[in-house]
Amino acid sequence: LVLFGLGVGWLLHMFARCRVTADEHGLTVVNA
């Protein structure tokens, strides 16, 4: 049960971490 909860939490983290970052050299796209 605890491992299942941690697995679901990890999946939700992977989707919540998405971002697009721009700097002077280019673009970094962090998808799930």
PDB file of all heavy atoms in Angstrom:
ATOM      1  N   LEU A   1       0.822  -1.208   0.000  1.00  0.00           N
ATOM      2  CA  LEU A   1       0.000   0.000   0.000  1.00  0.00           C
ATOM      3  C   LEU A   1       0.859   1.263   0.000  1.00  0.00           C
ATOM      4  O   LEU A   1       0.598   2.207  -0.758  1.00  0.00           O
ATOM      5  CB  LEU A   1      -0.933   0.007   1.213  1.00  0.00           C
ATOM      6  CG  LEU A   1      -2.148  -0.915   1.146  1.00  0.00           C
ATOM      7  CD1 LEU A   1      -2.853  -0.949   2.492  1.00  0.00           C
ATOM      8  CD2 LEU A   1      -3.089  -0.465   0.050  1.00  0.00           C
ATOM      9  N   VAL A   2       1.885   1.277   0.839  1.00  0.00           N
ATOM     10  CA  VAL A   2       2.763   2.450   0.906  1.00  0.00           C
ATOM     11  C   VAL A   2       3.509   2.621  -0.417  1.00  0.00           C
ATOM     12  O   VAL A   2       3.609   3.731  -0.947  1.00  0.00           O
ATOM     13  CB  VAL A   2       3.734   2.340   2.096  1.00  0.00           C
ATOM     14  CG1 VAL A   2       4.765   3.458   2.059  1.00  0.00           C
ATOM     15  CG2 VAL A   2       2.962   2.377   3.413  1.00  0.00           C
ATOM     16  N   LEU A   3       4.017   1.528  -0.978  1.00  0.00           N
ATOM     17  CA  LEU A   3       4.723   1.613  -2.266  1.00  0.00           C
ATOM     18  C   LEU A   3       3.795   2.070  -3.382  1.00  0.00           C
ATOM     19  O   LEU A   3       4.191   2.852  -4.252  1.00  0.00           O
ATOM     20  CB  LEU A   3       5.367   0.273  -2.611  1.00  0.00           C
ATOM     21  CG  LEU A   3       6.565  -0.133  -1.753  1.00  0.00           C
ATOM     22  CD1 LEU A   3       7.060  -1.519  -2.150  1.00  0.00           C
ATOM     23  CD2 LEU A   3       7.681   0.899  -1.850  1.00  0.00           C
ATOM     24  N   PHE A   4       2.552   1.619  -3.371  1.00  0.00           N
ATOM     25  CA  PHE A   4       1.585   2.073  -4.360  1.00  0.00           C
ATOM     26  C   PHE A   4       1.357   3.579  -4.234  1.00  0.00           C
ATOM     27  O   PHE A   4       1.351   4.310  -5.227  1.00  0.00           O
ATOM     28  CB  PHE A   4       0.257   1.317  -4.219  1.00  0.00           C
ATOM     29  CG  PHE A   4      -0.798   1.798  -5.169  1.00  0.00           C
ATOM     30  CD1 PHE A   4      -0.749   1.443  -6.507  1.00  0.00           C
ATOM     31  CD2 PHE A   4      -1.828   2.621  -4.726  1.00  0.00           C
ATOM     32  CE1 PHE A   4      -1.711   1.898  -7.387  1.00  0.00           C
ATOM     33  CE2 PHE A   4      -2.798   3.076  -5.602  1.00  0.00           C
ATOM     34  CZ  PHE A   4      -2.745   2.716  -6.940  1.00  0.00           C
ATOM     35  N   GLY A   5       1.171   4.046  -3.006  1.00  0.00           N
ATOM     36  CA  GLY A   5       0.991   5.477  -2.775  1.00  0.00           C
ATOM     37  C   GLY A   5       2.206   6.283  -3.233  1.00  0.00           C
ATOM     38  O   GLY A   5       2.067   7.329  -3.864  1.00  0.00           O
ATOM     39  N   LEU A   6       3.411   5.773  -2.947  1.00  0.00           N
ATOM     40  CA  LEU A   6       4.627   6.448  -3.398  1.00  0.00           C
ATOM     41  C   LEU A   6       4.725   6.449  -4.921  1.00  0.00           C
ATOM     42  O   LEU A   6       5.165   7.445  -5.518  1.00  0.00           O
ATOM     43  CB  LEU A   6       5.861   5.798  -2.775  1.00  0.00           C
ATOM     44  CG  LEU A   6       6.037   6.013  -1.274  1.00  0.00           C
ATOM     45  CD1 LEU A   6       7.172   5.151  -0.745  1.00  0.00           C
ATOM     46  CD2 LEU A   6       6.272   7.482  -0.965  1.00  0.00           C
ATOM     47  N   GLY A   7       4.311   5.362  -5.555  1.00  0.00           N
ATOM     48  CA  GLY A   7       4.326   5.297  -7.021  1.00  0.00           C
ATOM     49  C   GLY A   7       3.379   6.312  -7.650  1.00  0.00           C
ATOM     50  O   GLY A   7       3.731   7.011  -8.604  1.00  0.00           O
ATOM     51  N   VAL A   8       2.180   6.411  -7.111  1.00  0.00           N
ATOM     52  CA  VAL A   8       1.218   7.400  -7.613  1.00  0.00           C
ATOM     53  C   VAL A   8       1.744   8.812  -7.355  1.00  0.00           C
ATOM     54  O   VAL A   8       1.649   9.693  -8.217  1.00  0.00           O
ATOM     55  CB  VAL A   8      -0.175   7.192  -6.973  1.00  0.00           C
ATOM     56  CG1 VAL A   8      -1.117   8.328  -7.320  1.00  0.00           C
ATOM     57  CG2 VAL A   8      -0.765   5.865  -7.415  1.00  0.00           C
ATOM     58  N   GLY A   9       2.330   9.025  -6.191  1.00  0.00           N
ATOM     59  CA  GLY A   9       2.915  10.332  -5.876  1.00  0.00           C
ATOM     60  C   GLY A   9       4.039  10.688  -6.836  1.00  0.00           C
ATOM     61  O   GLY A   9       4.151  11.834  -7.281  1.00  0.00           O
ATOM     62  N   TRP A  10       4.870   9.702  -7.200  1.00  0.00           N
ATOM     63  CA  TRP A  10       5.953   9.934  -8.152  1.00  0.00           C
ATOM     64  C   TRP A  10       5.393  10.310  -9.525  1.00  0.00           C
ATOM     65  O   TRP A  10       5.886  11.245 -10.165  1.00  0.00           O
ATOM     66  CB  TRP A  10       6.835   8.691  -8.263  1.00  0.00           C
ATOM     67  CG  TRP A  10       7.918   8.829  -9.285  1.00  0.00           C
ATOM     68  CD1 TRP A  10       9.098   9.495  -9.153  1.00  0.00           C
ATOM     69  CD2 TRP A  10       7.904   8.300 -10.615  1.00  0.00           C
ATOM     70  NE1 TRP A  10       9.817   9.412 -10.313  1.00  0.00           N
ATOM     71  CE2 TRP A  10       9.111   8.676 -11.232  1.00  0.00           C
ATOM     72  CE3 TRP A  10       6.993   7.535 -11.338  1.00  0.00           C
ATOM     73  CZ2 TRP A  10       9.416   8.315 -12.535  1.00  0.00           C
ATOM     74  CZ3 TRP A  10       7.305   7.177 -12.631  1.00  0.00           C
ATOM     75  CH2 TRP A  10       8.502   7.560 -13.222  1.00  0.00           C
ATOM     76  N   LEU A  11       4.352   9.611  -9.982  1.00  0.00           N
ATOM     77  CA  LEU A  11       3.741   9.943 -11.272  1.00  0.00           C
ATOM     78  C   LEU A  11       3.177  11.361 -11.270  1.00  0.00           C
ATOM     79  O   LEU A  11       3.354  12.115 -12.237  1.00  0.00           O
ATOM     80  CB  LEU A  11       2.626   8.953 -11.618  1.00  0.00           C
ATOM     81  CG  LEU A  11       3.067   7.598 -12.149  1.00  0.00           C
ATOM     82  CD1 LEU A  11       1.866   6.672 -12.282  1.00  0.00           C
ATOM     83  CD2 LEU A  11       3.776   7.741 -13.479  1.00  0.00           C
ATOM     84  N   LEU A  12       2.511  11.724 -10.201  1.00  0.00           N
ATOM     85  CA  LEU A  12       1.968  13.088 -10.103  1.00  0.00           C
ATOM     86  C   LEU A  12       3.088  14.127 -10.081  1.00  0.00           C
ATOM     87  O   LEU A  12       2.970  15.190 -10.691  1.00  0.00           O
ATOM     88  CB  LEU A  12       1.067  13.218  -8.877  1.00  0.00           C
ATOM     89  CG  LEU A  12      -0.265  12.469  -8.987  1.00  0.00           C
ATOM     90  CD1 LEU A  12      -0.934  12.380  -7.619  1.00  0.00           C
ATOM     91  CD2 LEU A  12      -1.177  13.130  -9.996  1.00  0.00           C
ATOM     92  N   HIS A  13       4.188  13.808  -9.405  1.00  0.00           N
ATOM     93  CA  HIS A  13       5.347  14.707  -9.411  1.00  0.00           C
ATOM     94  C   HIS A  13       5.896  14.884 -10.824  1.00  0.00           C
ATOM     95  O   HIS A  13       6.243  16.000 -11.226  1.00  0.00           O
ATOM     96  CB  HIS A  13       6.446  14.165  -8.497  1.00  0.00           C
ATOM     97  CG  HIS A  13       7.793  14.746  -8.796  1.00  0.00           C
ATOM     98  ND1 HIS A  13       8.116  16.061  -8.512  1.00  0.00           N
ATOM     99  CD2 HIS A  13       8.886  14.208  -9.401  1.00  0.00           C
ATOM    100  CE1 HIS A  13       9.362  16.287  -8.917  1.00  0.00           C
ATOM    101  NE2 HIS A  13       9.842  15.187  -9.455  1.00  0.00           N
ATOM    102  N   MET A  14       5.956  13.810 -11.588  1.00  0.00           N
ATOM    103  CA  MET A  14       6.498  13.889 -12.944  1.00  0.00           C
ATOM    104  C   MET A  14       5.674  14.838 -13.816  1.00  0.00           C
ATOM    105  O   MET A  14       6.226  15.562 -14.645  1.00  0.00           O
ATOM    106  CB  MET A  14       6.572  12.499 -13.583  1.00  0.00           C
ATOM    107  CG  MET A  14       7.544  11.565 -12.879  1.00  0.00           C
ATOM    108  SD  MET A  14       9.222  12.192 -12.786  1.00  0.00           S
ATOM    109  CE  MET A  14       9.758  11.923 -14.460  1.00  0.00           C
ATOM    110  N   PHE A  15       4.367  14.858 -13.633  1.00  0.00           N
ATOM    111  CA  PHE A  15       3.530  15.777 -14.394  1.00  0.00           C
ATOM    112  C   PHE A  15       3.592  17.202 -13.833  1.00  0.00           C
ATOM    113  O   PHE A  15       3.505  18.172 -14.575  1.00  0.00           O
ATOM    114  CB  PHE A  15       2.089  15.286 -14.460  1.00  0.00           C
ATOM    115  CG  PHE A  15       1.914  14.169 -15.441  1.00  0.00           C
ATOM    116  CD1 PHE A  15       1.867  12.854 -15.011  1.00  0.00           C
ATOM    117  CD2 PHE A  15       1.826  14.430 -16.795  1.00  0.00           C
ATOM    118  CE1 PHE A  15       1.731  11.814 -15.918  1.00  0.00           C
ATOM    119  CE2 PHE A  15       1.688  13.406 -17.717  1.00  0.00           C
ATOM    120  CZ  PHE A  15       1.647  12.086 -17.274  1.00  0.00           C
ATOM    121  N   ALA A  16       3.747  17.330 -12.529  1.00  0.00           N
ATOM    122  CA  ALA A  16       3.782  18.654 -11.909  1.00  0.00           C
ATOM    123  C   ALA A  16       5.114  19.372 -12.138  1.00  0.00           C
ATOM    124  O   ALA A  16       5.179  20.592 -12.044  1.00  0.00           O
ATOM    125  CB  ALA A  16       3.512  18.538 -10.407  1.00  0.00           C
ATOM    126  N   ARG A  17       6.164  18.657 -12.486  1.00  0.00           N
ATOM    127  CA  ARG A  17       7.484  19.263 -12.665  1.00  0.00           C
ATOM    128  C   ARG A  17       7.693  19.893 -14.038  1.00  0.00           C
ATOM    129  O   ARG A  17       8.715  20.519 -14.290  1.00  0.00           O
ATOM    130  CB  ARG A  17       8.580  18.227 -12.425  1.00  0.00           C
ATOM    131  CG  ARG A  17       8.730  17.260 -13.581  1.00  0.00           C
ATOM    132  CD  ARG A  17       9.759  16.195 -13.307  1.00  0.00           C
ATOM    133  NE  ARG A  17      10.011  15.433 -14.526  1.00  0.00           N
ATOM    134  CZ  ARG A  17      11.182  15.373 -15.132  1.00  0.00           C
ATOM    135  NH1 ARG A  17      12.222  15.995 -14.622  1.00  0.00           N
ATOM    136  NH2 ARG A  17      11.321  14.676 -16.239  1.00  0.00           N
ATOM    137  N   CYS A  18       6.739  19.757 -14.935  1.00  0.00           N
ATOM    138  CA  CYS A  18       6.884  20.261 -16.301  1.00  0.00           C
ATOM    139  C   CYS A  18       7.155  21.764 -16.301  1.00  0.00           C
ATOM    140  O   CYS A  18       6.568  22.504 -15.531  1.00  0.00           O
ATOM    141  CB  CYS A  18       5.622  19.962 -17.110  1.00  0.00           C
ATOM    142  SG  CYS A  18       5.346  18.211 -17.360  1.00  0.00           S
ATOM    143  N   ARG A  19       8.058  22.173 -17.197  1.00  0.00           N
ATOM    144  CA  ARG A  19       8.395  23.588 -17.324  1.00  0.00           C
ATOM    145  C   ARG A  19       9.087  23.826 -18.658  1.00  0.00           C
ATOM    146  O   ARG A  19       9.572  22.910 -19.298  1.00  0.00           O
ATOM    147  CB  ARG A  19       9.266  24.050 -16.169  1.00  0.00           C
ATOM    148  CG  ARG A  19      10.646  23.441 -16.148  1.00  0.00           C
ATOM    149  CD  ARG A  19      11.415  23.880 -14.896  1.00  0.00           C
ATOM    150  NE  ARG A  19      12.696  23.214 -14.806  1.00  0.00           N
ATOM    151  CZ  ARG A  19      12.879  21.995 -14.301  1.00  0.00           C
ATOM    152  NH1 ARG A  19      11.854  21.318 -13.829  1.00  0.00           N
ATOM    153  NH2 ARG A  19      14.072  21.456 -14.249  1.00  0.00           N
ATOM    154  N   VAL A  20       9.123  25.077 -19.037  1.00  0.00           N
ATOM    155  CA  VAL A  20       9.860  25.531 -20.216  1.00  0.00           C
ATOM    156  C   VAL A  20      10.776  26.648 -19.732  1.00  0.00           C
ATOM    157  O   VAL A  20      10.319  27.605 -19.110  1.00  0.00           O
ATOM    158  CB  VAL A  20       8.909  26.053 -21.320  1.00  0.00           C
ATOM    159  CG1 VAL A  20       9.698  26.588 -22.501  1.00  0.00           C
ATOM    160  CG2 VAL A  20       7.945  24.961 -21.765  1.00  0.00           C
ATOM    161  N   THR A  21      12.071  26.510 -19.999  1.00  0.00           N
ATOM    162  CA  THR A  21      13.052  27.490 -19.549  1.00  0.00           C
ATOM    163  C   THR A  21      13.816  28.025 -20.751  1.00  0.00           C
ATOM    164  O   THR A  21      14.309  27.243 -21.565  1.00  0.00           O
ATOM    165  CB  THR A  21      14.046  26.861 -18.544  1.00  0.00           C
ATOM    166  OG1 THR A  21      13.312  26.307 -17.456  1.00  0.00           O
ATOM    167  CG2 THR A  21      15.030  27.881 -18.026  1.00  0.00           C
ATOM    168  N   ALA A  22      13.902  29.339 -20.838  1.00  0.00           N
ATOM    169  CA  ALA A  22      14.647  29.986 -21.918  1.00  0.00           C
ATOM    170  C   ALA A  22      15.829  30.729 -21.321  1.00  0.00           C
ATOM    171  O   ALA A  22      15.718  31.368 -20.277  1.00  0.00           O
ATOM    172  CB  ALA A  22      13.739  30.953 -22.666  1.00  0.00           C
ATOM    173  N   ASP A  23      16.967  30.624 -21.980  1.00  0.00           N
ATOM    174  CA  ASP A  23      18.135  31.414 -21.609  1.00  0.00           C
ATOM    175  C   ASP A  23      18.764  31.951 -22.891  1.00  0.00           C
ATOM    176  O   ASP A  23      18.203  31.787 -23.975  1.00  0.00           O
ATOM    177  CB  ASP A  23      19.125  30.599 -20.769  1.00  0.00           C
ATOM    178  CG  ASP A  23      19.633  29.349 -21.470  1.00  0.00           C
ATOM    179  OD1 ASP A  23      19.744  29.352 -22.716  1.00  0.00           O
ATOM    180  OD2 ASP A  23      19.938  28.361 -20.786  1.00  0.00           O
ATOM    181  N   GLU A  24      19.916  32.584 -22.775  1.00  0.00           N
ATOM    182  CA  GLU A  24      20.512  33.202 -23.953  1.00  0.00           C
ATOM    183  C   GLU A  24      20.984  32.184 -24.989  1.00  0.00           C
ATOM    184  O   GLU A  24      21.159  32.522 -26.163  1.00  0.00           O
ATOM    185  CB  GLU A  24      21.671  34.138 -23.563  1.00  0.00           C
ATOM    186  CG  GLU A  24      22.848  33.438 -22.924  1.00  0.00           C
ATOM    187  CD  GLU A  24      22.721  33.311 -21.409  1.00  0.00           C
ATOM    188  OE1 GLU A  24      21.723  33.756 -20.832  1.00  0.00           O
ATOM    189  OE2 GLU A  24      23.648  32.739 -20.811  1.00  0.00           O
ATOM    190  N   HIS A  25      21.148  30.925 -24.601  1.00  0.00           N
ATOM    191  CA  HIS A  25      21.644  29.908 -25.520  1.00  0.00           C
ATOM    192  C   HIS A  25      20.547  29.084 -26.174  1.00  0.00           C
ATOM    193  O   HIS A  25      20.769  28.477 -27.214  1.00  0.00           O
ATOM    194  CB  HIS A  25      22.616  28.971 -24.802  1.00  0.00           C
ATOM    195  CG  HIS A  25      23.776  29.697 -24.206  1.00  0.00           C
ATOM    196  ND1 HIS A  25      24.744  30.304 -24.962  1.00  0.00           N
ATOM    197  CD2 HIS A  25      24.110  29.933 -22.920  1.00  0.00           C
ATOM    198  CE1 HIS A  25      25.630  30.869 -24.175  1.00  0.00           C
ATOM    199  NE2 HIS A  25      25.269  30.670 -22.919  1.00  0.00           N
ATOM    200  N   GLY A  26      19.396  28.995 -25.547  1.00  0.00           N
ATOM    201  CA  GLY A  26      18.338  28.183 -26.132  1.00  0.00           C
ATOM    202  C   GLY A  26      17.185  27.936 -25.187  1.00  0.00           C
ATOM    203  O   GLY A  26      16.936  28.702 -24.252  1.00  0.00           O
ATOM    204  N   LEU A  27      16.527  26.824 -25.438  1.00  0.00           N
ATOM    205  CA  LEU A  27      15.276  26.488 -24.765  1.00  0.00           C
ATOM    206  C   LEU A  27      15.394  25.091 -24.165  1.00  0.00           C
ATOM    207  O   LEU A  27      15.855  24.165 -24.830  1.00  0.00           O
ATOM    208  CB  LEU A  27      14.163  26.523 -25.816  1.00  0.00           C
ATOM    209  CG  LEU A  27      12.725  26.659 -25.393  1.00  0.00           C
ATOM    210  CD1 LEU A  27      12.501  27.945 -24.630  1.00  0.00           C
ATOM    211  CD2 LEU A  27      11.844  26.627 -26.631  1.00  0.00           C
ATOM    212  N   THR A  28      14.974  24.949 -22.913  1.00  0.00           N
ATOM    213  CA  THR A  28      14.912  23.645 -22.264  1.00  0.00           C
ATOM    214  C   THR A  28      13.449  23.348 -21.984  1.00  0.00           C
ATOM    215  O   THR A  28      12.757  24.140 -21.353  1.00  0.00           O
ATOM    216  CB  THR A  28      15.708  23.635 -20.947  1.00  0.00           C
ATOM    217  OG1 THR A  28      17.061  24.002 -21.226  1.00  0.00           O
ATOM    218  CG2 THR A  28      15.670  22.257 -20.303  1.00  0.00           C
ATOM    219  N   VAL A  29      12.982  22.204 -22.475  1.00  0.00           N
ATOM    220  CA  VAL A  29      11.599  21.781 -22.286  1.00  0.00           C
ATOM    221  C   VAL A  29      11.613  20.539 -21.408  1.00  0.00           C
ATOM    222  O   VAL A  29      12.140  19.499 -21.802  1.00  0.00           O
ATOM    223  CB  VAL A  29      10.917  21.478 -23.635  1.00  0.00           C
ATOM    224  CG1 VAL A  29       9.485  21.018 -23.414  1.00  0.00           C
ATOM    225  CG2 VAL A  29      10.957  22.688 -24.548  1.00  0.00           C
ATOM    226  N   VAL A  30      11.065  20.655 -20.208  1.00  0.00           N
ATOM    227  CA  VAL A  30      10.962  19.523 -19.291  1.00  0.00           C
ATOM    228  C   VAL A  30       9.515  19.057 -19.330  1.00  0.00           C
ATOM    229  O   VAL A  30       8.629  19.725 -18.807  1.00  0.00           O
ATOM    230  CB  VAL A  30      11.381  19.911 -17.855  1.00  0.00           C
ATOM    231  CG1 VAL A  30      11.223  18.731 -16.913  1.00  0.00           C
ATOM    232  CG2 VAL A  30      12.803  20.446 -17.836  1.00  0.00           C
ATOM    233  N   ASN A  31       9.281  17.935 -19.995  1.00  0.00           N
ATOM    234  CA  ASN A  31       7.955  17.330 -20.030  1.00  0.00           C
ATOM    235  C   ASN A  31       7.902  16.248 -18.964  1.00  0.00           C
ATOM    236  O   ASN A  31       8.853  16.059 -18.208  1.00  0.00           O
ATOM    237  CB  ASN A  31       7.647  16.794 -21.420  1.00  0.00           C
ATOM    238  CG  ASN A  31       7.310  17.900 -22.395  1.00  0.00           C
ATOM    239  OD1 ASN A  31       6.915  18.987 -22.006  1.00  0.00           O
ATOM    240  ND2 ASN A  31       7.469  17.630 -23.679  1.00  0.00           N
ATOM    241  N   ALA A  32       6.821  15.518 -18.899  1.00  0.00           N
ATOM    242  CA  ALA A  32       6.624  14.568 -17.810  1.00  0.00           C
ATOM    243  C   ALA A  32       7.768  13.555 -17.688  1.00  0.00           C
ATOM    244  O   ALA A  32       8.255  13.314 -16.588  1.00  0.00           O
ATOM    245  CB  ALA A  32       5.296  13.853 -17.973  1.00  0.00           C
TER     246      ALA A  32
END
